[in-house]
């Protein structure tokens, strides 16, 4: 598999210059076909063969193994969810909160890493927000903020600036203070090799519909071995317990206690195929290609009059944020030219382009033409 071959498998790229993968990635035909084939087999054949539930469980188990292997984890440490937001919420709702407890988050979080804590504020939980500068955190400020806190929540790769935060260092600081750590990693897998066990975090939430190029509806949550003992899920169902028919229930060991009930296997079959495709392409190829293209984009932006680059000048990710006078008008003007990027709610007056391995030099130049 080469970047050119991958591009040829993504039909929408025949009609548009797509650089919004940080929001959602267009799936290749192989991924869509895997999801469709799974759904057809589940609905048309399984009832007359192994059964619809056993067939679905086989797909979920296989995908859980695939996700775990891709992230450097064990299958017991992976819960299948619907999205990053879903994973964060499952963890947030499973922690035993008490009035006066504190959550620390950054001002760089997506709403997925903000709204769950706003809800808890109504139950007496305090939120401390770490201020950032140019997509960076001051580690001394982190140490002060996590003192006495119950949980630190932050994004490994910021969706606002495309900066990679020092996950392992921040996790160590939080653990030294006695706090749990929840990482939003959705911007990482698919564009960079990600080993969640190296981070040391207790919980890592992600999803397949961005850089992994999977379908909507298939997410995952890593729960570090042993960290599940801190979780009492708010929702319970047959997938999260050892024997749903037992007089007394016992949770499944590991992350599986966060899973609940019946879901379609089709998105997970698509996710598994998407990961296989990314691995076939290889992260060495992916990262070098994204680096090359983002360098081209940043060089062009820096050379343009009146444009201020808000992402780091040196490569950290395929997320490139820059300032324009009117973000909504700028993005709409690009839509008319079949170029897709997005405005951001913050930083002020910013737009973001997401450069993936399937993009090309002409894609970059098409955007720069209208800057």
Protein backbone atom coordinates (compact mmCIF):
# COMPACT_ATOMS: atom_id res chain seq x y z
CA UNK A 1 0.00 0.00 0.00
CA UNK A 2 1.31 3.45 -0.98
CA UNK A 3 -0.18 6.90 -0.32
CA UNK A 4 -1.22 7.06 -3.98
CA UNK A 5 -2.96 3.69 -3.74
CA UNK A 6 -4.71 4.77 -0.56
CA UNK A 7 -5.88 7.97 -2.22
CA UNK A 8 -7.34 5.97 -5.11
CA UNK A 9 -9.46 4.02 -2.59
CA UNK A 10 -11.13 7.16 -1.18
CA UNK A 11 -13.86 8.14 -3.69
CA UNK A 12 -14.65 11.57 -2.24
CA UNK A 13 -11.15 12.77 -3.11
CA UNK A 14 -12.16 12.67 -6.76
CA UNK A 15 -14.53 15.56 -6.05
CA UNK A 16 -12.86 17.69 -3.40
CA UNK A 17 -9.57 18.72 -1.86
CA UNK A 18 -10.12 17.35 1.63
CA UNK A 19 -8.06 18.63 4.54
CA UNK A 20 -10.40 18.25 7.50
CA UNK A 21 -9.38 14.83 8.81
CA UNK A 22 -8.95 16.27 12.31
CA UNK A 23 -12.75 16.47 12.34
CA UNK A 24 -13.52 13.31 10.38
CA UNK A 25 -11.66 11.25 7.85
CA UNK A 26 -13.24 9.94 4.62
CA UNK A 27 -13.20 6.14 4.64
CA UNK A 28 -11.58 4.09 1.87
CA UNK A 29 -13.76 1.68 -0.08
CA UNK A 30 -12.21 -1.32 1.71
CA UNK A 31 -13.38 0.06 5.05
CA UNK A 32 -16.91 0.76 3.86
CA UNK A 33 -17.10 -2.64 2.18
CA UNK A 34 -15.97 -4.36 5.39
CA UNK A 35 -18.74 -2.62 7.35
CA UNK A 36 -21.32 -3.37 4.67
CA UNK A 37 -20.28 -7.01 4.38
CA UNK A 38 -20.48 -7.42 8.14
CA UNK A 39 -23.95 -5.89 8.28
CA UNK A 40 -25.21 -8.05 5.41
CA UNK A 41 -23.80 -11.22 6.95
CA UNK A 42 -25.24 -10.30 10.35
CA UNK A 43 -28.72 -9.55 9.00
CA UNK A 44 -28.96 -12.03 6.13
CA UNK A 45 -27.01 -15.10 7.23
CA UNK A 46 -26.09 -15.22 10.92
CA UNK A 47 -29.59 -16.04 12.14
CA UNK A 48 -29.48 -19.29 10.14
CA UNK A 49 -25.89 -20.09 11.07
CA UNK A 50 -23.99 -19.31 14.27
CA UNK A 51 -26.61 -16.86 15.52
CA UNK A 52 -26.76 -13.07 15.38
CA UNK A 53 -25.36 -12.48 18.88
CA UNK A 54 -22.44 -14.92 18.57
CA UNK A 55 -21.52 -13.48 15.19
CA UNK A 56 -21.60 -9.93 16.58
CA UNK A 57 -19.54 -10.94 19.61
CA UNK A 58 -16.91 -12.52 17.36
CA UNK A 59 -16.56 -9.26 15.43
CA UNK A 60 -16.30 -7.22 18.64
CA UNK A 61 -13.70 -9.56 20.11
CA UNK A 62 -11.64 -9.47 16.92
CA UNK A 63 -11.80 -5.67 16.75
CA UNK A 64 -10.89 -5.34 20.41
CA UNK A 65 -7.77 -7.44 19.73
CA UNK A 66 -6.93 -5.34 16.67
CA UNK A 67 -7.31 -2.05 18.57
CA UNK A 68 -5.27 -3.37 21.49
CA UNK A 69 -2.42 -4.52 19.26
CA UNK A 70 -2.41 -1.20 17.41
CA UNK A 71 -2.15 0.77 20.66
CA UNK A 72 0.39 -1.49 22.39
CA UNK A 73 -2.17 -2.68 24.95
CA UNK A 74 -3.78 -5.97 25.88
CA UNK A 75 -7.33 -6.80 24.82
CA UNK A 76 -8.39 -6.81 28.48
CA UNK A 77 -7.40 -3.13 28.64
CA UNK A 78 -9.69 -2.08 25.78
CA UNK A 79 -13.39 -1.23 25.99
CA UNK A 80 -15.23 -0.66 22.71
CA UNK A 81 -17.22 2.57 22.71
CA UNK A 82 -19.03 4.69 20.13
CA UNK A 83 -16.69 7.71 20.20
CA UNK A 84 -14.09 9.62 22.18
CA UNK A 85 -16.84 11.59 23.90
CA UNK A 86 -18.54 8.35 24.80
CA UNK A 87 -15.32 6.93 26.27
CA UNK A 88 -14.59 10.03 28.34
CA UNK A 89 -18.14 10.05 29.64
CA UNK A 90 -18.02 6.37 30.58
CA UNK A 91 -14.91 6.98 32.65
CA UNK A 92 -16.24 10.21 34.14
CA UNK A 93 -19.49 8.54 35.17
CA UNK A 94 -17.71 5.52 36.68
CA UNK A 95 -15.41 7.36 39.09
CA UNK A 96 -16.63 7.61 42.67
CA UNK A 97 -16.94 11.39 42.99
CA UNK A 98 -17.51 13.14 46.27
CA UNK A 99 -18.49 16.72 46.92
CA UNK A 100 -15.32 18.81 47.02
CA UNK A 101 -13.36 16.60 44.59
CA UNK A 102 -11.40 18.39 41.88
CA UNK A 103 -10.91 17.76 38.16
CA UNK A 104 -8.07 19.53 36.36
CA UNK A 105 -8.34 20.11 32.62
CA UNK A 106 -6.60 22.40 30.15
CA UNK A 107 -8.03 25.28 28.14
CA UNK A 108 -7.06 23.31 25.02
CA UNK A 109 -9.76 20.67 25.34
CA UNK A 110 -12.49 19.76 22.89
CA UNK A 111 -16.01 19.86 24.31
CA UNK A 112 -15.60 16.12 24.96
CA UNK A 113 -13.09 17.03 27.65
CA UNK A 114 -15.11 19.94 29.05
CA UNK A 115 -18.80 19.07 29.24
CA UNK A 116 -18.54 15.98 31.50
CA UNK A 117 -16.86 18.10 34.16
CA UNK A 118 -19.39 20.90 33.78
CA UNK A 119 -22.09 18.37 34.59
CA UNK A 120 -20.21 17.22 37.67
CA UNK A 121 -19.94 20.80 38.89
CA UNK A 122 -23.65 20.54 39.59
CA UNK A 123 -22.83 17.74 42.03
CA UNK A 124 -20.20 19.63 43.98
CA UNK A 125 -17.11 18.71 41.94
CA UNK A 126 -14.71 21.59 41.25
CA UNK A 127 -13.00 22.12 37.90
CA UNK A 128 -9.61 23.78 37.63
CA UNK A 129 -8.62 24.94 34.15
CA UNK A 130 -4.96 25.13 33.20
CA UNK A 131 -4.10 28.11 31.03
CA UNK A 132 -1.92 27.44 28.01
CA UNK A 133 0.26 29.59 25.79
CA UNK A 134 0.53 28.82 22.09
CA UNK A 135 -0.70 25.31 22.69
CA UNK A 136 1.78 24.60 25.50
CA UNK A 137 1.47 24.00 29.23
CA UNK A 138 3.78 25.15 31.99
CA UNK A 139 4.70 22.06 34.01
CA UNK A 140 5.07 24.05 37.23
CA UNK A 141 1.50 25.27 36.79
CA UNK A 142 0.42 21.67 36.24
CA UNK A 143 2.08 20.63 39.50
CA UNK A 144 0.26 23.38 41.38
CA UNK A 145 -3.10 22.59 39.75
CA UNK A 146 -3.09 18.83 40.38
CA UNK A 147 -2.22 19.14 44.06
CA UNK A 148 -5.15 17.51 45.85
CA UNK A 149 -7.00 16.79 42.59
CA UNK A 150 -8.75 13.52 41.82
CA UNK A 151 -8.28 13.54 38.03
CA UNK A 152 -6.25 15.27 35.34
CA UNK A 153 -7.83 15.30 31.86
CA UNK A 154 -5.96 16.55 28.79
CA UNK A 155 -5.47 15.92 25.08
CA UNK A 156 -2.32 14.19 23.92
CA UNK A 157 -2.39 16.16 20.68
CA UNK A 158 -4.21 19.50 20.85
CA UNK A 159 -6.99 19.99 18.32
CA UNK A 160 -6.50 23.76 18.51
CA UNK A 161 -2.78 24.08 17.69
CA UNK A 162 -1.61 20.61 16.66
CA UNK A 163 0.90 20.58 19.53
CA UNK A 164 1.95 17.32 21.12
CA UNK A 165 1.79 17.58 24.89
CA UNK A 166 4.33 15.67 27.03
CA UNK A 167 1.88 12.96 28.03
CA UNK A 168 4.29 10.81 29.99
CA UNK A 169 5.62 13.79 31.98
CA UNK A 170 2.16 15.18 32.74
CA UNK A 171 0.98 11.73 33.78
CA UNK A 172 3.92 11.35 36.13
CA UNK A 173 3.22 14.75 37.71
CA UNK A 174 -0.43 13.84 38.26
CA UNK A 175 0.36 10.42 39.69
CA UNK A 176 2.90 11.92 42.06
CA UNK A 177 0.07 14.12 43.35
CA UNK A 178 -2.24 11.10 43.73
CA UNK A 179 -4.47 12.00 40.78
CA UNK A 180 -5.80 9.71 38.07
CA UNK A 181 -5.10 10.61 34.42
CA UNK A 182 -7.54 10.55 31.49
CA UNK A 183 -6.09 11.31 28.03
CA UNK A 184 -8.04 12.29 24.92
CA UNK A 185 -5.94 10.68 22.18
CA UNK A 186 -8.32 10.88 19.24
CA UNK A 187 -5.96 13.00 17.11
CA UNK A 188 -3.06 10.52 17.41
CA UNK A 189 -3.81 7.00 16.05
CA UNK A 190 -3.79 7.00 12.28
CA UNK A 191 -1.27 9.78 11.86
CA UNK A 192 1.42 8.73 14.33
CA UNK A 193 2.47 5.54 16.08
CA UNK A 194 0.78 5.48 19.50
CA UNK A 195 1.70 3.16 22.36
CA UNK A 196 -0.66 4.03 25.20
CA UNK A 197 1.19 1.89 27.72
CA UNK A 198 4.29 4.08 27.35
CA UNK A 199 2.25 7.09 28.48
CA UNK A 200 1.40 5.50 31.83
CA UNK A 201 -2.05 7.10 31.87
CA UNK A 202 -4.92 5.36 33.65
CA UNK A 203 -7.46 5.96 30.87
CA UNK A 204 -7.09 6.85 27.18
CA UNK A 205 -10.10 7.55 24.96
CA UNK A 206 -10.12 7.62 21.17
CA UNK A 207 -12.12 6.81 18.06
CA UNK A 208 -11.63 5.51 14.56
CA UNK A 209 -13.45 8.09 12.42
CA UNK A 210 -10.64 10.64 12.19
CA UNK A 211 -7.05 9.79 11.21
CA UNK A 212 -7.68 6.02 11.21
CA UNK A 213 -10.25 6.62 8.43
CA UNK A 214 -12.81 4.32 10.02
CA UNK A 215 -16.58 4.76 10.07
CA UNK A 216 -18.57 6.78 12.56
CA UNK A 217 -19.73 4.85 15.63
CA UNK A 218 -16.61 2.88 16.57
CA UNK A 219 -14.51 4.20 19.45
CA UNK A 220 -12.29 2.70 22.12
CA UNK A 221 -11.17 3.37 25.66
CA UNK A 222 -7.97 2.05 27.21
CA UNK A 223 -8.12 1.27 30.92
CA UNK A 224 -4.73 0.55 32.44
CA UNK A 225 -4.52 -2.86 34.07
CA UNK A 226 -5.61 -2.35 37.67
CA UNK A 227 -7.20 1.08 37.06
CA UNK A 228 -10.60 -0.55 36.57
CA UNK A 229 -10.79 -1.02 40.34
CA UNK A 230 -11.41 2.74 40.56
CA UNK A 231 -14.46 2.45 38.31
CA UNK A 232 -18.09 1.74 39.20
CA UNK A 233 -19.90 2.17 35.86
CA UNK A 234 -23.05 4.28 35.85
CA UNK A 235 -24.57 1.96 33.25
CA UNK A 236 -24.53 -1.81 33.36
CA UNK A 237 -25.51 -4.52 30.93
CA UNK A 238 -24.74 -8.05 29.85
CA UNK A 239 -21.53 -7.15 28.03
CA UNK A 240 -19.96 -5.66 31.14
CA UNK A 241 -20.55 -8.50 33.59
CA UNK A 242 -19.24 -12.05 33.81
CA UNK A 243 -22.64 -13.74 34.12
CA UNK A 244 -25.72 -11.57 33.45
CA UNK A 245 -28.03 -14.31 34.75
CA UNK A 246 -26.27 -14.77 38.07
CA UNK A 247 -28.04 -13.88 41.32
CA UNK A 248 -25.08 -11.63 42.19
CA UNK A 249 -23.31 -9.87 39.35
CA UNK A 250 -19.56 -9.48 38.92
CA UNK A 251 -18.03 -7.06 36.45
CA UNK A 252 -15.94 -8.35 33.59
CA UNK A 253 -12.27 -7.98 34.45
CA UNK A 254 -10.42 -5.05 32.94
CA UNK A 255 -11.87 -2.44 30.63
CA UNK A 256 -14.80 -4.61 29.55
CA UNK A 257 -16.80 -3.43 32.56
CA UNK A 258 -17.34 -0.17 30.64
CA UNK A 259 -19.20 -1.96 27.84
CA UNK A 260 -22.96 -2.21 28.21
CA UNK A 261 -25.29 -3.84 25.69
CA UNK A 262 -26.19 -4.51 22.08
CA UNK A 263 -24.42 -2.55 19.36
CA UNK A 264 -24.13 -3.10 15.63
CA UNK A 265 -20.94 -4.99 14.76
CA UNK A 266 -20.68 -3.22 11.40
CA UNK A 267 -18.80 -0.04 12.50
CA UNK A 268 -16.32 -2.20 14.43
CA UNK A 269 -15.70 -4.40 11.40
CA UNK A 270 -14.98 -1.18 9.52
CA UNK A 271 -12.65 0.02 12.26
CA UNK A 272 -10.72 -3.25 12.19
CA UNK A 273 -10.28 -2.99 8.43
CA UNK A 274 -9.20 0.66 8.75
CA UNK A 275 -6.50 -0.25 11.26
CA UNK A 276 -5.31 -3.08 9.02
CA UNK A 277 -5.04 -0.60 6.14
CA UNK A 278 -3.10 1.95 8.22
CA UNK A 279 -0.71 -0.78 9.36
CA UNK A 280 -0.29 -1.96 5.78
CA UNK A 281 0.71 1.57 4.81
CA UNK A 282 2.98 1.89 7.86
CA UNK A 283 3.63 4.78 10.20
CA UNK A 284 7.07 5.49 8.81
CA UNK A 285 5.45 6.29 5.48
CA UNK A 286 2.53 8.12 7.07
CA UNK A 287 4.58 10.36 9.33
CA UNK A 288 7.21 11.24 6.73
CA UNK A 289 4.53 12.12 4.17
CA UNK A 290 2.54 14.27 6.60
CA UNK A 291 5.75 16.03 7.67
CA UNK A 292 6.68 16.77 4.06
CA UNK A 293 3.25 18.18 3.22
CA UNK A 294 2.85 20.25 6.39
CA UNK A 295 6.28 21.78 5.76
CA UNK A 296 5.07 22.82 2.32
CA UNK A 297 1.90 24.30 3.77
CA UNK A 298 3.67 26.16 6.59
CA UNK A 299 6.28 27.56 4.19
CA UNK A 300 3.49 28.90 2.04
CA UNK A 301 1.59 30.37 4.96
CA UNK A 302 4.64 32.08 6.39
CA UNK A 303 5.35 33.59 2.98
CA UNK A 304 1.78 34.91 2.63
CA UNK A 305 1.11 38.50 3.65
CA UNK A 306 -1.20 38.98 6.61
CA UNK A 307 -1.24 35.32 7.69
CA UNK A 308 -0.06 34.31 11.14
CA UNK A 309 0.81 30.67 11.74
CA UNK A 310 -0.57 29.55 15.12
CA UNK A 311 0.76 25.98 15.03
CA UNK A 312 4.46 25.31 15.69
CA UNK A 313 6.73 26.13 12.78
CA UNK A 314 8.53 22.81 13.28
CA UNK A 315 6.62 19.61 12.60
CA UNK A 316 4.58 18.04 15.39
CA UNK A 317 1.45 16.82 13.59
CA UNK A 318 -0.72 17.17 10.52
CA UNK A 319 -2.89 19.81 12.22
CA UNK A 320 -2.01 23.28 10.93
CA UNK A 321 -3.82 26.26 12.46
CA UNK A 322 -3.47 29.80 11.17
CA UNK A 323 -5.12 33.17 11.58
CA UNK A 324 -7.39 34.87 9.03
CA UNK A 325 -9.57 37.98 9.25
CA UNK A 326 -12.93 36.20 8.97
CA UNK A 327 -12.69 32.41 9.52
CA UNK A 328 -16.28 31.56 8.55
CA UNK A 329 -16.14 33.61 5.36
CA UNK A 330 -12.72 32.18 4.50
CA UNK A 331 -13.87 28.58 4.92
CA UNK A 332 -17.06 29.20 2.94
CA UNK A 333 -15.02 30.74 0.14
CA UNK A 334 -12.87 27.61 0.07
CA UNK A 335 -15.98 25.40 -0.04
CA UNK A 336 -16.95 27.17 -3.26
CA UNK A 337 -13.55 26.11 -4.60
CA UNK A 338 -14.00 22.51 -3.39
CA UNK A 339 -11.35 22.86 -0.68
CA UNK A 340 -12.37 21.64 2.78
CA UNK A 341 -10.85 22.89 6.02
CA UNK A 342 -12.62 24.23 9.14
CA UNK A 343 -12.89 27.30 11.36
CA UNK A 344 -12.07 26.87 15.04
CA UNK A 345 -13.90 28.38 18.03
CA UNK A 346 -10.49 29.27 19.45
CA UNK A 347 -7.81 30.58 19.11
CA UNK A 348 -9.52 33.76 17.95
CA UNK A 349 -9.86 34.21 14.18
CA UNK A 350 -8.36 30.81 13.42
CA UNK A 351 -8.88 28.10 10.84
CA UNK A 352 -7.36 24.63 10.76
CA UNK A 353 -6.18 22.42 7.93
CA UNK A 354 -5.61 18.72 8.58
CA UNK A 355 -2.96 17.15 6.38
CA UNK A 356 -3.04 13.36 6.07
CA UNK A 357 -1.00 10.85 4.14
CA UNK A 358 -3.54 10.75 1.28
CA UNK A 359 -3.08 14.45 0.56
CA UNK A 360 -0.82 15.69 -2.23
CA UNK A 361 1.31 18.70 -3.13
CA UNK A 362 -1.49 20.00 -5.42
CA UNK A 363 -3.87 19.80 -2.45
CA UNK A 364 -1.57 22.04 -0.43
CA UNK A 365 -1.15 24.44 -3.32
CA UNK A 366 -4.92 24.58 -3.85
CA UNK A 367 -5.33 25.86 -0.29
CA UNK A 368 -2.42 28.29 -0.51
CA UNK A 369 -3.84 29.78 -3.69
CA UNK A 370 -6.68 31.33 -1.69
CA UNK A 371 -4.76 32.42 1.40
